[in-house]
Every structure is written in C-alpha cells, then in structure tokens.
Amino acid sequence: MKRAVVFDLDGTLIDSLPLVLRSIAHALEPFGTQPTMDIFAKLGGPPERFLPTLLEDARHVPAAMVRMTTYHRANLHLVQPFAGAAETLAALRARGVQLAVWTGRDRESGTELLADLGLEDYFATVVFGDDLPTHKPDPQGLREIMTRLGVIAEETIFVGDADVDVLGGAGCGVDTILIEHSRTIAPAVRAQARRSVLSPAEAFAFLAGL
C-alpha cells in the first residue's frame, strides 16, 4: 500500500524540458559546446553543479550561469503542466495519498513555478535543489521527504525522468517510475526502476491504478 508519491518537477509534472535545454544551449553557445539528450545523465542539481560537467573550461562557468539564468527567467512563462498532472494530483490526494516534490530546481524559481501553475497546494512538502548540501542521485533529499511525511520506503513511490532520479530512488529503496521521453536509457539504470514508461501521461495512468 503506497501512502506517499514523490514527484520530480521538470519533465515529470511540468513541460519545461524544452526551455531547460534551450537555456543550457544558450549558456554554452559562446564556448563552442552544444548539449545532447545525454545531458539527462548529468542533470540533478543546481546549475553550478552540472554546468562544469558540460564545459571544457571551468573558468567559463560564471558567465555561462548568467546566460542560462537570464534566458530561463525571461522565458519562464512558456512552461506549463503536462496534460493530466493536476487531475492526477487531485485524485491521489482525494484517496489520502501524501504528495511531495523532490527537484534539483532552485527554491526561488521552483516556488514561483508551482504557484504560477496552481500546483503548490497539492504538496505536503518540497525539497529543492538548494535546500540541502547534497543533490540527486544522493538519496538524502528523498529520505528527508519520507521523514517529514512519516512514511517508510516501502510505502513510497517516486516518479522522475532522469537517471539521477532512478539512482536516487534506488539508493534508499524506493520504487521509482522512470519517464523515458524517448531517450536512450542505460540498461544498468533502467534495471533499477520499478517501471519505465514513455511519457508523463503513461506515468499518470499507472499511478491511477495504484
């Protein structure tokens, strides 16, 4: 019996990946680097953590971060929830399931997005990327959420779309649904997910049958 469902935010509840990828591409453009879908294996924390892994010269990180943040904030209005997200959250909460978010997104932009999209009231707690000294795939954030909710791993399910989501869930024994978004998933990562689905809509349908 699952008493809690924890969601990643970007690419799981909200359709923000196109903007995230464009923001990163804009950040890297002057430095001759372009991101590919393989970037999903490196995402999972604030920009100061993953940008150095995408740049050949770490001295460019501050300038790249300014470019990324400026572009992203200017286009934040383009982000919308995935179809069925709000309905799924409402249905789960009506059944007494506790809901939470574990995201690498910073608290400032994450709080703004949840409020603007009308999603903030669904969640009992949120752990943002700058709340703790650790980041996905370190499972500390998920453990913190379970402590706040008063649930154990066997009572919890986590839904995410990145490799670090699967690894973070597996790191504390929580069943994880991986949303693939038609990208190539390493077999070693897929093997640690309870279920792999192609889209958020498929993940929402699975949750409806819990």
Foldseek 3Di string as FASTA:
>chain_A
DAQAEEEEPDQQFKPCVVLLQVLLQQLCVVQPFHDDPVLLQQDWADQLRRVVVRHPDNVSSVSSVVSSVVSSVVCVVVMATDPPNVVLLVVCVVVNRAYEYEYRADPVSVVVSCVVHVNVVSHPYYDYRPNDPDIFLQQPSVVVVCVVVVHAQVNYEYEDAGLSSLSNNLVRNHAYEHAPCPDDDDPVSCVSHPYYDPHSVVVSVVSVVD
